Amino acid sequence: MPENTITVPLAPMEPDDVADAFAYIRALQADDIDTACAVADDTGPELRRLLLDVAARIFIPVTAVDDCDGEPCAHSFLAAALGRLLLEVLCHADGACLAFPPGIAQTIVRFTENILTEDHGDVADVLRQLEAAGMKQAMEAHRTTA
């Protein structure tokens, strides 16, 4: 993952990676531990990296506030810093529960619930929309490189 995801665009994920990451996230969100464990077993140690890639694609665009009437303002910088801090905690929380796949996935679910849905609406629907957007980007990138 790039050091500065604000200025360096993220490389597209592979379609299978998008599917695996969101299968795990949706399973945990639905409290389907058996499916989450099966996905984790099938994906192996790469699952953590995949979840961090998904987190970056969700947190950074949401927290990267544009500006205020054409000029940067305090909350623009604060929101961007918050997104970077959240990703850093997930990436580097040595030994903390958040640094492992279940913590990363639950953080994505909570962020989706609290920030991306209105009145804590249908989190599963928003996760499906995020997955579809990620899959579209991955498929487009895959077509251009194949």
C-alpha atoms as a PDB file:
ATOM      1  CA  MET A   1       0.000   0.000   0.000  1.00  0.00           C
ATOM      2  CA  PRO A   2       1.442   3.440  -0.857  1.00  0.00           C
ATOM      3  CA  GLU A   3       2.712   5.597   2.009  1.00  0.00           C
ATOM      4  CA  ASN A   4       0.497   8.528   1.019  1.00  0.00           C
ATOM      5  CA  THR A   5      -2.786   7.415  -0.476  1.00  0.00           C
ATOM      6  CA  ILE A   6      -3.918  11.014  -0.870  1.00  0.00           C
ATOM      7  CA  THR A   7      -1.338  11.845  -3.526  1.00  0.00           C
ATOM      8  CA  VAL A   8      -0.460   8.389  -4.865  1.00  0.00           C
ATOM      9  CA  PRO A   9      -3.361   6.577  -6.557  1.00  0.00           C
ATOM     10  CA  LEU A  10      -4.006   3.065  -5.322  1.00  0.00           C
ATOM     11  CA  ALA A  11      -3.250   0.290  -7.775  1.00  0.00           C
ATOM     12  CA  PRO A  12      -6.440  -1.542  -8.735  1.00  0.00           C
ATOM     13  CA  MET A  13      -7.146  -4.751  -6.886  1.00  0.00           C
ATOM     14  CA  GLU A  14      -7.561  -8.048  -8.683  1.00  0.00           C
ATOM     15  CA  PRO A  15     -11.219  -9.111  -9.099  1.00  0.00           C
ATOM     16  CA  ASP A  16     -10.715 -12.264  -6.994  1.00  0.00           C
ATOM     17  CA  ASP A  17      -9.153 -10.167  -4.233  1.00  0.00           C
ATOM     18  CA  VAL A  18     -12.136  -7.798  -4.191  1.00  0.00           C
ATOM     19  CA  ALA A  19     -14.519 -10.761  -4.010  1.00  0.00           C
ATOM     20  CA  ASP A  20     -12.566 -12.445  -1.198  1.00  0.00           C
ATOM     21  CA  ALA A  21     -12.250  -9.279   0.897  1.00  0.00           C
ATOM     22  CA  PHE A  22     -15.919  -8.377   0.632  1.00  0.00           C
ATOM     23  CA  ALA A  23     -17.038 -11.967   1.218  1.00  0.00           C
ATOM     24  CA  TYR A  24     -15.174 -11.839   4.524  1.00  0.00           C
ATOM     25  CA  ILE A  25     -16.478  -8.366   5.447  1.00  0.00           C
ATOM     26  CA  ARG A  26     -20.091  -9.236   4.597  1.00  0.00           C
ATOM     27  CA  ALA A  27     -19.865 -12.541   6.484  1.00  0.00           C
ATOM     28  CA  LEU A  28     -18.653 -10.790   9.646  1.00  0.00           C
ATOM     29  CA  GLN A  29     -21.246  -8.056   9.233  1.00  0.00           C
ATOM     30  CA  ALA A  30     -23.946 -10.754   9.082  1.00  0.00           C
ATOM     31  CA  ASP A  31     -22.429 -12.620  12.079  1.00  0.00           C
ATOM     32  CA  ASP A  32     -21.788 -15.623   9.812  1.00  0.00           C
ATOM     33  CA  ILE A  33     -18.618 -16.785  11.526  1.00  0.00           C
ATOM     34  CA  ASP A  34     -18.487 -20.101   9.639  1.00  0.00           C
ATOM     35  CA  THR A  35     -18.366 -18.342   6.267  1.00  0.00           C
ATOM     36  CA  ALA A  36     -15.876 -15.755   7.538  1.00  0.00           C
ATOM     37  CA  CYS A  37     -13.594 -18.551   8.777  1.00  0.00           C
ATOM     38  CA  ALA A  38     -13.910 -20.417   5.472  1.00  0.00           C
ATOM     39  CA  VAL A  39     -12.990 -17.283   3.503  1.00  0.00           C
ATOM     40  CA  ALA A  40     -10.071 -16.608   5.854  1.00  0.00           C
ATOM     41  CA  ASP A  41      -8.828 -20.181   5.459  1.00  0.00           C
ATOM     42  CA  ASP A  42      -9.122 -20.060   1.666  1.00  0.00           C
ATOM     43  CA  THR A  43      -7.489 -16.626   1.395  1.00  0.00           C
ATOM     44  CA  GLY A  44      -4.719 -17.268   3.893  1.00  0.00           C
ATOM     45  CA  PRO A  45      -2.345 -14.597   5.194  1.00  0.00           C
ATOM     46  CA  GLU A  46      -3.140 -12.295   2.242  1.00  0.00           C
ATOM     47  CA  LEU A  47      -6.535 -11.505   3.788  1.00  0.00           C
ATOM     48  CA  ARG A  48      -5.087  -8.776   6.027  1.00  0.00           C
ATOM     49  CA  ARG A  49      -3.509  -6.981   3.041  1.00  0.00           C
ATOM     50  CA  LEU A  50      -6.736  -7.291   1.029  1.00  0.00           C
ATOM     51  CA  LEU A  51      -8.795  -5.823   3.864  1.00  0.00           C
ATOM     52  CA  LEU A  52      -6.350  -2.937   4.253  1.00  0.00           C
ATOM     53  CA  ASP A  53      -6.616  -2.264   0.507  1.00  0.00           C
ATOM     54  CA  VAL A  54     -10.413  -2.174   0.783  1.00  0.00           C
ATOM     55  CA  ALA A  55     -10.227   0.063   3.865  1.00  0.00           C
ATOM     56  CA  ALA A  56      -8.014   2.528   1.995  1.00  0.00           C
ATOM     57  CA  ARG A  57     -10.472   2.633  -0.898  1.00  0.00           C
ATOM     58  CA  ILE A  58     -13.341   3.388   1.485  1.00  0.00           C
ATOM     59  CA  PHE A  59     -11.790   5.691   4.102  1.00  0.00           C
ATOM     60  CA  ILE A  60      -9.581   7.935   1.987  1.00  0.00           C
ATOM     61  CA  PRO A  61     -12.189   9.159  -0.546  1.00  0.00           C
ATOM     62  CA  VAL A  62     -14.705   9.803   2.221  1.00  0.00           C
ATOM     63  CA  THR A  63     -12.306  11.687   4.483  1.00  0.00           C
ATOM     64  CA  ALA A  64     -10.572  13.617   1.686  1.00  0.00           C
ATOM     65  CA  VAL A  65     -12.821  16.673   1.884  1.00  0.00           C
ATOM     66  CA  ASP A  66     -12.365  18.966  -1.093  1.00  0.00           C
ATOM     67  CA  ASP A  67     -12.368  22.560   0.101  1.00  0.00           C
ATOM     68  CA  CYS A  68     -14.553  25.418   1.274  1.00  0.00           C
ATOM     69  CA  ASP A  69     -15.643  27.688  -1.567  1.00  0.00           C
ATOM     70  CA  GLY A  70     -12.514  26.967  -3.548  1.00  0.00           C
ATOM     71  CA  GLU A  71     -10.116  27.362  -0.606  1.00  0.00           C
ATOM     72  CA  PRO A  72      -8.747  24.713   1.717  1.00  0.00           C
ATOM     73  CA  CYS A  73     -10.031  25.081   5.252  1.00  0.00           C
ATOM     74  CA  ALA A  74      -9.326  23.545   8.654  1.00  0.00           C
ATOM     75  CA  HIS A  75     -11.855  20.727   8.399  1.00  0.00           C
ATOM     76  CA  SER A  76     -10.484  19.721   4.983  1.00  0.00           C
ATOM     77  CA  PHE A  77      -7.120  18.969   6.535  1.00  0.00           C
ATOM     78  CA  LEU A  78      -8.647  17.444   9.650  1.00  0.00           C
ATOM     79  CA  ALA A  79     -10.814  15.023   7.682  1.00  0.00           C
ATOM     80  CA  ALA A  80      -7.902  13.920   5.493  1.00  0.00           C
ATOM     81  CA  ALA A  81      -5.683  13.460   8.549  1.00  0.00           C
ATOM     82  CA  LEU A  82      -8.407  11.415  10.240  1.00  0.00           C
ATOM     83  CA  GLY A  83      -8.616   9.068   7.258  1.00  0.00           C
ATOM     84  CA  ARG A  84      -4.840   8.616   7.186  1.00  0.00           C
ATOM     85  CA  LEU A  85      -4.742   8.068  10.958  1.00  0.00           C
ATOM     86  CA  LEU A  86      -7.462   5.437  10.800  1.00  0.00           C
ATOM     87  CA  LEU A  87      -5.566   3.569   8.093  1.00  0.00           C
ATOM     88  CA  GLU A  88      -2.304   3.868  10.014  1.00  0.00           C
ATOM     89  CA  VAL A  89      -3.903   2.400  13.136  1.00  0.00           C
ATOM     90  CA  LEU A  90      -5.187  -0.539  11.109  1.00  0.00           C
ATOM     91  CA  CYS A  91      -1.823  -1.061   9.396  1.00  0.00           C
ATOM     92  CA  HIS A  92       0.502  -0.647  12.342  1.00  0.00           C
ATOM     93  CA  ALA A  93      -1.390  -1.501  15.516  1.00  0.00           C
ATOM     94  CA  ASP A  94       1.236  -3.961  16.741  1.00  0.00           C
ATOM     95  CA  GLY A  95      -0.543  -6.737  18.575  1.00  0.00           C
ATOM     96  CA  ALA A  96      -3.814  -4.848  18.776  1.00  0.00           C
ATOM     97  CA  CYS A  97      -6.996  -6.584  17.758  1.00  0.00           C
ATOM     98  CA  LEU A  98      -7.608  -3.917  15.106  1.00  0.00           C
ATOM     99  CA  ALA A  99      -4.468  -5.010  13.229  1.00  0.00           C
ATOM    100  CA  PHE A 100      -5.910  -8.438  12.409  1.00  0.00           C
ATOM    101  CA  PRO A 101      -8.543  -9.338   9.788  1.00  0.00           C
ATOM    102  CA  PRO A 102     -11.581  -9.433  12.115  1.00  0.00           C
ATOM    103  CA  GLY A 103     -10.716  -6.011  13.571  1.00  0.00           C
ATOM    104  CA  ILE A 104     -10.072  -4.501  10.146  1.00  0.00           C
ATOM    105  CA  ALA A 105     -13.321  -5.908   8.749  1.00  0.00           C
ATOM    106  CA  GLN A 106     -15.333  -4.747  11.784  1.00  0.00           C
ATOM    107  CA  THR A 107     -13.808  -1.269  11.461  1.00  0.00           C
ATOM    108  CA  ILE A 108     -14.898  -1.168   7.807  1.00  0.00           C
ATOM    109  CA  VAL A 109     -18.406  -2.253   8.829  1.00  0.00           C
ATOM    110  CA  ARG A 110     -18.595   0.360  11.619  1.00  0.00           C
ATOM    111  CA  PHE A 111     -17.262   3.108   9.348  1.00  0.00           C
ATOM    112  CA  THR A 112     -19.841   2.127   6.726  1.00  0.00           C
ATOM    113  CA  GLU A 113     -22.609   2.101   9.312  1.00  0.00           C
ATOM    114  CA  ASN A 114     -21.682   5.380  10.982  1.00  0.00           C
ATOM    115  CA  ILE A 115     -20.430   7.429   8.042  1.00  0.00           C
ATOM    116  CA  LEU A 116     -21.750   5.990   4.774  1.00  0.00           C
ATOM    117  CA  THR A 117     -25.342   5.162   5.687  1.00  0.00           C
ATOM    118  CA  GLU A 118     -28.081   7.538   6.700  1.00  0.00           C
ATOM    119  CA  ASP A 119     -29.407   6.894  10.183  1.00  0.00           C
ATOM    120  CA  HIS A 120     -27.445   3.625  10.365  1.00  0.00           C
ATOM    121  CA  GLY A 121     -29.375   2.297   7.355  1.00  0.00           C
ATOM    122  CA  ASP A 122     -28.794  -0.859   5.376  1.00  0.00           C
ATOM    123  CA  VAL A 123     -25.081  -1.535   5.885  1.00  0.00           C
ATOM    124  CA  ALA A 124     -25.235  -4.743   3.835  1.00  0.00           C
ATOM    125  CA  ASP A 125     -26.593  -2.800   0.844  1.00  0.00           C
ATOM    126  CA  VAL A 126     -23.844  -0.175   1.094  1.00  0.00           C
ATOM    127  CA  LEU A 127     -21.212  -2.936   1.356  1.00  0.00           C
ATOM    128  CA  ARG A 128     -22.646  -4.531  -1.800  1.00  0.00           C
ATOM    129  CA  GLN A 129     -22.408  -1.158  -3.571  1.00  0.00           C
ATOM    130  CA  LEU A 130     -18.805  -0.713  -2.419  1.00  0.00           C
ATOM    131  CA  GLU A 131     -17.967  -4.213  -3.607  1.00  0.00           C
ATOM    132  CA  ALA A 132     -19.587  -3.560  -6.989  1.00  0.00           C
ATOM    133  CA  ALA A 133     -17.561  -0.354  -7.398  1.00  0.00           C
ATOM    134  CA  GLY A 134     -14.346  -2.161  -6.437  1.00  0.00           C
ATOM    135  CA  MET A 135     -15.120  -5.048  -8.762  1.00  0.00           C
ATOM    136  CA  LYS A 136     -15.845  -2.656 -11.640  1.00  0.00           C
ATOM    137  CA  GLN A 137     -12.493  -0.918 -11.127  1.00  0.00           C
ATOM    138  CA  ALA A 138     -10.676  -4.251 -10.855  1.00  0.00           C
ATOM    139  CA  MET A 139     -12.326  -5.634 -14.000  1.00  0.00           C
ATOM    140  CA  GLU A 140     -11.537  -2.474 -15.994  1.00  0.00           C
ATOM    141  CA  ALA A 141      -7.905  -2.600 -14.878  1.00  0.00           C
ATOM    142  CA  HIS A 142      -7.731  -6.324 -15.590  1.00  0.00           C
ATOM    143  CA  ARG A 143      -9.066  -5.795 -19.152  1.00  0.00           C
ATOM    144  CA  THR A 144      -6.475  -3.128 -19.900  1.00  0.00           C
ATOM    145  CA  THR A 145      -3.575  -5.262 -18.666  1.00  0.00           C
ATOM    146  CA  ALA A 146      -4.738  -8.569 -20.154  1.00  0.00           C
END
